C-alpha atoms as a PDB file:
ATOM      1  CA  MET A   1     110.372  93.639 112.965  1.00  0.00           C
ATOM      2  CA  HIS A   2     111.353  94.728 109.503  1.00  0.00           C
ATOM      3  CA  LYS A   3     114.579  93.253 108.204  1.00  0.00           C
ATOM      4  CA  ILE A   4     115.174  95.403 105.193  1.00  0.00           C
ATOM      5  CA  TYR A   5     118.385  93.967 103.808  1.00  0.00           C
ATOM      6  CA  ARG A   6     118.454  90.449 105.242  1.00  0.00           C
ATOM      7  CA  GLY A   7     117.591  87.186 103.458  1.00  0.00           C
ATOM      8  CA  LEU A   8     117.024  88.392  99.869  1.00  0.00           C
ATOM      9  CA  ALA A   9     116.949  85.284  97.643  1.00  0.00           C
ATOM     10  CA  SER A  10     118.465  85.650  94.166  1.00  0.00           C
ATOM     11  CA  ALA A  11     117.152  84.030  90.999  1.00  0.00           C
ATOM     12  CA  THR A  12     120.458  82.206  90.662  1.00  0.00           C
ATOM     13  CA  GLY A  13     120.032  80.740  94.137  1.00  0.00           C
ATOM     14  CA  ALA A  14     116.507  79.609  93.286  1.00  0.00           C
ATOM     15  CA  LEU A  15     117.701  77.826  90.142  1.00  0.00           C
ATOM     16  CA  ALA A  16     120.475  76.152  92.108  1.00  0.00           C
ATOM     17  CA  LEU A  17     117.928  74.878  94.612  1.00  0.00           C
ATOM     18  CA  VAL A  18     115.779  73.386  91.841  1.00  0.00           C
ATOM     19  CA  ALA A  19     118.816  71.726  90.283  1.00  0.00           C
ATOM     20  CA  THR A  20     119.852  70.240  93.604  1.00  0.00           C
ATOM     21  CA  ALA A  21     116.372  68.852  94.167  1.00  0.00           C
ATOM     22  CA  LEU A  22     116.729  66.766  90.989  1.00  0.00           C
ATOM     23  CA  VAL A  23     119.811  64.977  92.331  1.00  0.00           C
ATOM     24  CA  PRO A  24     119.138  61.640  94.089  1.00  0.00           C
ATOM     25  CA  SER A  25     119.141  61.985  97.884  1.00  0.00           C
ATOM     26  CA  ALA A  26     122.003  59.528  98.237  1.00  0.00           C
ATOM     27  CA  ALA A  27     124.256  61.901  96.264  1.00  0.00           C
ATOM     28  CA  ALA A  28     123.321  65.075  98.148  1.00  0.00           C
ATOM     29  CA  PRO A  29     124.853  65.624 101.606  1.00  0.00           C
ATOM     30  CA  PRO A  30     122.594  67.183 104.252  1.00  0.00           C
ATOM     31  CA  GLN A  31     122.520  70.965 104.320  1.00  0.00           C
ATOM     32  CA  LYS A  32     123.327  72.271 107.782  1.00  0.00           C
ATOM     33  CA  THR A  33     122.878  75.727 109.302  1.00  0.00           C
ATOM     34  CA  GLU A  34     124.043  76.876 112.716  1.00  0.00           C
ATOM     35  CA  VAL A  35     124.085  80.457 113.959  1.00  0.00           C
ATOM     36  CA  THR A  36     124.225  82.303 117.278  1.00  0.00           C
ATOM     37  CA  TRP A  37     122.943  85.862 117.248  1.00  0.00           C
ATOM     38  CA  VAL A  38     121.730  88.931 119.108  1.00  0.00           C
ATOM     39  CA  MET A  39     119.106  91.429 117.999  1.00  0.00           C
ATOM     40  CA  GLY A  40     117.443  94.475 119.460  1.00  0.00           C
ATOM     41  CA  GLU A  41     114.985  97.246 118.617  1.00  0.00           C
ATOM     42  CA  VAL A  42     114.254 100.648 120.139  1.00  0.00           C
ATOM     43  CA  SER A  43     112.150 103.704 119.216  1.00  0.00           C
ATOM     44  CA  GLN A  44     113.361 107.278 119.580  1.00  0.00           C
ATOM     45  CA  VAL A  45     111.808 110.728 119.289  1.00  0.00           C
ATOM     46  CA  GLY A  46     113.707 113.825 118.204  1.00  0.00           C
ATOM     47  CA  VAL A  47     115.325 115.450 115.206  1.00  0.00           C
ATOM     48  CA  VAL A  48     118.780 114.072 114.310  1.00  0.00           C
ATOM     49  CA  GLU A  49     121.077 115.786 111.805  1.00  0.00           C
ATOM     50  CA  GLY A  50     121.487 113.724 108.650  1.00  0.00           C
ATOM     51  CA  PHE A  51     118.320 111.683 109.220  1.00  0.00           C
ATOM     52  CA  ALA A  52     114.850 112.565 107.961  1.00  0.00           C
ATOM     53  CA  GLY A  53     111.792 113.029 110.148  1.00  0.00           C
ATOM     54  CA  ASN A  54     111.323 113.654 113.850  1.00  0.00           C
ATOM     55  CA  SER A  55     111.485 110.075 115.176  1.00  0.00           C
ATOM     56  CA  ARG A  56     112.741 106.625 114.243  1.00  0.00           C
ATOM     57  CA  MET A  57     112.816 102.893 114.895  1.00  0.00           C
ATOM     58  CA  ILE A  58     116.312 101.447 115.225  1.00  0.00           C
ATOM     59  CA  THR A  59     117.049  97.735 114.900  1.00  0.00           C
ATOM     60  CA  PHE A  60     120.319  95.810 114.925  1.00  0.00           C
ATOM     61  CA  TYR A  61     121.291  92.183 114.347  1.00  0.00           C
ATOM     62  CA  ALA A  62     124.711  90.557 114.820  1.00  0.00           C
ATOM     63  CA  ARG A  63     126.060  87.011 114.521  1.00  0.00           C
ATOM     64  CA  THR A  64     129.087  85.316 116.038  1.00  0.00           C
ATOM     65  CA  ASP A  65     130.592  84.870 112.567  1.00  0.00           C
ATOM     66  CA  GLY A  66     131.243  88.633 112.648  1.00  0.00           C
ATOM     67  CA  THR A  67     128.491  89.719 110.270  1.00  0.00           C
ATOM     68  CA  GLY A  68     125.637  92.014 111.167  1.00  0.00           C
ATOM     69  CA  ASP A  69     123.369  94.825 110.089  1.00  0.00           C
ATOM     70  CA  ALA A  70     121.243  97.658 111.389  1.00  0.00           C
ATOM     71  CA  THR A  71     118.340  99.690 110.062  1.00  0.00           C
ATOM     72  CA  VAL A  72     117.184 103.163 111.026  1.00  0.00           C
ATOM     73  CA  VAL A  73     113.614 103.676 109.804  1.00  0.00           C
ATOM     74  CA  ASN A  74     112.697 107.361 109.829  1.00  0.00           C
ATOM     75  CA  PHE A  75     109.197 108.536 110.752  1.00  0.00           C
ATOM     76  CA  ASP A  76     107.341 111.861 110.761  1.00  0.00           C
ATOM     77  CA  CYS A  77     104.997 111.689 113.755  1.00  0.00           C
ATOM     78  CA  PRO A  78     102.493 114.110 115.310  1.00  0.00           C
ATOM     79  CA  GLU A  79     103.813 115.913 118.364  1.00  0.00           C
ATOM     80  CA  GLY A  80     103.857 113.613 121.381  1.00  0.00           C
ATOM     81  CA  GLN A  81     103.448 110.441 119.298  1.00  0.00           C
ATOM     82  CA  SER A  82     106.111 107.740 119.380  1.00  0.00           C
ATOM     83  CA  PRO A  83     106.894 105.791 116.181  1.00  0.00           C
ATOM     84  CA  SER A  84     105.649 102.231 115.815  1.00  0.00           C
ATOM     85  CA  TRP A  85     104.847  99.685 113.116  1.00  0.00           C
ATOM     86  CA  ASP A  86     101.111 100.276 113.681  1.00  0.00           C
ATOM     87  CA  PRO A  87      99.831 101.844 110.424  1.00  0.00           C
ATOM     88  CA  ASN A  88      97.078 103.629 112.354  1.00  0.00           C
ATOM     89  CA  ASN A  89      99.253 105.495 114.862  1.00  0.00           C
ATOM     90  CA  GLY A  90      99.328 108.697 112.776  1.00  0.00           C
ATOM     91  CA  CYS A  91     103.022 108.493 111.837  1.00  0.00           C
ATOM     92  CA  GLU A  92     104.310 108.551 108.267  1.00  0.00           C
ATOM     93  CA  ILE A  93     107.196 106.229 107.366  1.00  0.00           C
ATOM     94  CA  LEU A  94     109.783 108.242 105.438  1.00  0.00           C
ATOM     95  CA  GLY A  95     112.073 105.351 104.610  1.00  0.00           C
ATOM     96  CA  PRO A  96     114.930 103.227 105.931  1.00  0.00           C
ATOM     97  CA  VAL A  97     118.666 103.724 106.200  1.00  0.00           C
ATOM     98  CA  GLY A  98     120.373 100.332 106.106  1.00  0.00           C
ATOM     99  CA  MET A  99     123.929  99.468 107.122  1.00  0.00           C
ATOM    100  CA  LEU A 100     126.068  96.340 107.042  1.00  0.00           C
ATOM    101  CA  GLY A 101     129.160  95.042 108.819  1.00  0.00           C
ATOM    102  CA  GLU A 102     131.404  92.039 108.185  1.00  0.00           C
ATOM    103  CA  GLU A 103     134.097  92.354 110.858  1.00  0.00           C
ATOM    104  CA  LEU A 104     132.142  92.702 114.091  1.00  0.00           C
ATOM    105  CA  SER A 105     133.321  91.321 117.415  1.00  0.00           C
ATOM    106  CA  VAL A 106     130.365  89.380 118.816  1.00  0.00           C
ATOM    107  CA  ASP A 107     130.673  87.562 122.148  1.00  0.00           C
ATOM    108  CA  ILE A 108     127.797  85.440 123.491  1.00  0.00           C
ATOM    109  CA  ASP A 109     128.076  83.118 126.470  1.00  0.00           C
ATOM    110  CA  ARG A 110     126.980  79.486 126.195  1.00  0.00           C
ATOM    111  CA  ARG A 111     123.886  80.009 128.356  1.00  0.00           C
ATOM    112  CA  LEU A 112     122.753  82.925 126.151  1.00  0.00           C
ATOM    113  CA  SER A 113     122.637  85.038 129.297  1.00  0.00           C
ATOM    114  CA  ALA A 114     124.885  87.887 128.140  1.00  0.00           C
ATOM    115  CA  ALA A 115     126.288  89.297 124.919  1.00  0.00           C
ATOM    116  CA  SER A 116     128.389  92.122 123.544  1.00  0.00           C
ATOM    117  CA  VAL A 117     128.830  93.551 120.046  1.00  0.00           C
ATOM    118  CA  ASN A 118     131.565  95.913 118.905  1.00  0.00           C
ATOM    119  CA  GLY A 119     132.446  97.001 115.410  1.00  0.00           C
ATOM    120  CA  GLU A 120     131.770  99.169 112.420  1.00  0.00           C
ATOM    121  CA  LEU A 121     128.681  99.221 110.221  1.00  0.00           C
ATOM    122  CA  ARG A 122     128.723 101.083 106.934  1.00  0.00           C
ATOM    123  CA  ILE A 123     125.623 102.745 105.471  1.00  0.00           C
ATOM    124  CA  TYR A 124     124.430 101.163 102.221  1.00  0.00           C
ATOM    125  CA  ASP A 125     123.684 103.895  99.652  1.00  0.00           C
ATOM    126  CA  GLY A 126     122.530 101.710  96.760  1.00  0.00           C
ATOM    127  CA  GLU A 127     124.334 100.358  93.710  1.00  0.00           C
ATOM    128  CA  THR A 128     126.251 101.654  90.725  1.00  0.00           C
ATOM    129  CA  GLU A 129     125.062 101.031  87.168  1.00  0.00           C
ATOM    130  CA  THR A 130     127.243  97.906  87.130  1.00  0.00           C
ATOM    131  CA  GLY A 131     125.704  96.550  90.325  1.00  0.00           C
ATOM    132  CA  GLU A 132     128.538  97.421  92.689  1.00  0.00           C
ATOM    133  CA  PRO A 133     127.445  98.515  96.181  1.00  0.00           C
ATOM    134  CA  ILE A 134     127.886 102.159  97.182  1.00  0.00           C
ATOM    135  CA  TRP A 135     128.998 102.548 100.795  1.00  0.00           C
ATOM    136  CA  GLY A 136     128.470 105.696 102.818  1.00  0.00           C
ATOM    137  CA  GLU A 137     129.323 106.809 106.330  1.00  0.00           C
ATOM    138  CA  ALA A 138     130.584 104.281 108.888  1.00  0.00           C
ATOM    139  CA  LEU A 139     128.825 104.064 112.275  1.00  0.00           C
ATOM    140  CA  GLN A 140     130.284 102.357 115.326  1.00  0.00           C
ATOM    141  CA  LEU A 141     128.071  99.779 117.055  1.00  0.00           C
ATOM    142  CA  ASP A 142     128.872  99.103 120.730  1.00  0.00           C
ATOM    143  CA  VAL A 143     126.283  97.106 122.654  1.00  0.00           C
ATOM    144  CA  THR A 144     126.080  94.977 125.795  1.00  0.00           C
ATOM    145  CA  MET A 145     122.981  92.867 126.451  1.00  0.00           C
ATOM    146  CA  GLN A 146     121.650  90.943 129.416  1.00  0.00           C
ATOM    147  CA  ALA A 147     119.073  88.159 129.186  1.00  0.00           C
ATOM    148  CA  VAL A 148     115.841  88.440 131.143  1.00  0.00           C
ATOM    149  CA  GLY A 149     113.700  85.428 131.910  1.00  0.00           C
ATOM    150  CA  ASP A 150     114.066  81.777 130.978  1.00  0.00           C
ATOM    151  CA  ALA A 151     115.134  80.290 127.681  1.00  0.00           C
ATOM    152  CA  VAL A 152     112.506  79.144 125.174  1.00  0.00           C
ATOM    153  CA  ILE A 153     113.392  76.047 123.126  1.00  0.00           C
ATOM    154  CA  ASN A 154     111.646  75.113 119.888  1.00  0.00           C
ATOM    155  CA  GLN A 155     112.075  71.862 117.975  1.00  0.00           C
ATOM    156  CA  GLU A 156     110.538  70.714 114.714  1.00  0.00           C
ATOM    157  CA  LYS A 157     111.060  67.674 112.498  1.00  0.00           C
ATOM    158  CA  GLN A 158     109.237  67.070 109.255  1.00  0.00           C
ATOM    159  CA  GLY A 159     110.490  64.766 106.544  1.00  0.00           C
ATOM    160  CA  GLY A 160     114.136  65.597 105.931  1.00  0.00           C
ATOM    161  CA  PHE A 161     113.908  68.911 107.771  1.00  0.00           C
ATOM    162  CA  TRP A 162     115.034  69.304 111.406  1.00  0.00           C
ATOM    163  CA  HIS A 163     114.980  72.560 113.368  1.00  0.00           C
ATOM    164  CA  TRP A 164     116.176  73.374 116.886  1.00  0.00           C
ATOM    165  CA  SER A 165     116.387  76.862 118.403  1.00  0.00           C
ATOM    166  CA  LYS A 166     116.902  78.380 121.822  1.00  0.00           C
ATOM    167  CA  GLU A 167     116.138  82.032 122.571  1.00  0.00           C
ATOM    168  CA  ARG A 168     116.166  84.318 125.592  1.00  0.00           C
ATOM    169  CA  SER A 169     114.592  87.744 125.789  1.00  0.00           C
ATOM    170  CA  ALA A 170     117.232  90.386 126.430  1.00  0.00           C
ATOM    171  CA  THR A 171     117.702  94.087 127.117  1.00  0.00           C
ATOM    172  CA  VAL A 172     120.517  96.401 126.042  1.00  0.00           C
ATOM    173  CA  THR A 173     122.194  97.595 129.246  1.00  0.00           C
ATOM    174  CA  THR A 174     124.553  99.981 127.416  1.00  0.00           C
ATOM    175  CA  GLY A 175     124.478 100.672 123.712  1.00  0.00           C
ATOM    176  CA  GLN A 176     125.466 103.120 121.027  1.00  0.00           C
ATOM    177  CA  LEU A 177     125.001 103.105 117.249  1.00  0.00           C
ATOM    178  CA  GLY A 178     126.886 106.090 115.931  1.00  0.00           C
ATOM    179  CA  GLY A 179     125.206 109.070 117.591  1.00  0.00           C
ATOM    180  CA  PHE A 180     122.148 107.033 118.647  1.00  0.00           C
ATOM    181  CA  ASP A 181     121.876 105.859 122.244  1.00  0.00           C
ATOM    182  CA  VAL A 182     120.230 102.422 122.010  1.00  0.00           C
ATOM    183  CA  THR A 183     120.381 101.653 125.741  1.00  0.00           C
ATOM    184  CA  GLY A 184     117.088 100.068 126.746  1.00  0.00           C
ATOM    185  CA  ALA A 185     116.495  98.359 123.394  1.00  0.00           C
ATOM    186  CA  VAL A 186     114.702  95.039 123.760  1.00  0.00           C
ATOM    187  CA  GLY A 187     115.388  91.919 121.746  1.00  0.00           C
ATOM    188  CA  THR A 188     116.725  88.370 121.944  1.00  0.00           C
ATOM    189  CA  ILE A 189     119.885  86.331 122.286  1.00  0.00           C
ATOM    190  CA  GLY A 190     119.538  83.083 120.367  1.00  0.00           C
ATOM    191  CA  HIS A 191     121.071  79.952 118.909  1.00  0.00           C
ATOM    192  CA  LEU A 192     119.701  78.001 115.955  1.00  0.00           C
ATOM    193  CA  LYS A 193     120.495  74.682 114.271  1.00  0.00           C
ATOM    194  CA  GLU A 194     118.829  73.354 111.127  1.00  0.00           C
ATOM    195  CA  THR A 195     119.437  70.356 108.909  1.00  0.00           C
ATOM    196  CA  TYR A 196     117.787  69.539 105.615  1.00  0.00           C
ATOM    197  CA  LYS A 197     118.359  66.283 103.780  1.00  0.00           C
ATOM    198  CA  TYR A 198     117.062  65.819 100.232  1.00  0.00           C
END
């Protein structure tokens, strides 16, 4: 899955990481990460006003801290062909439309068996000459998801790094992103913990 706007590391962040690595381990507290999330993806065929092409891949991602994002990747496909990430399927990728939200309501039960997301995502239209973001139209995201199958747990420990994650495959039982019906999207409900000690 393409995550267009997620996890971009800045040069400043990279320098800070190098500087931290030079500090003795006794002086640096462990870095901890914990996040619970939902994500889903669905393909659609058809012309939609305001979006290029004749089909698209729609993905969304939301966390219980209220942040989230979605991407609509537009495709131009031959008649009868559904969009996919396969470069040989005959479809041309026309480009993504990304959107971000910071005040989402995200509810996930402790067993990761069900989830709901409600809130507003605003289309990201680029930056001004001074680097300020330009925000476009707001789209409402309303999704309910139900887990299918058993949970998969992964654990890893190497040196000062420790990782634990639990994920369940899930399906969107009802869902809307603006004018897009995302019911039937498939994805995951998950929980992750990581610790890194220098």
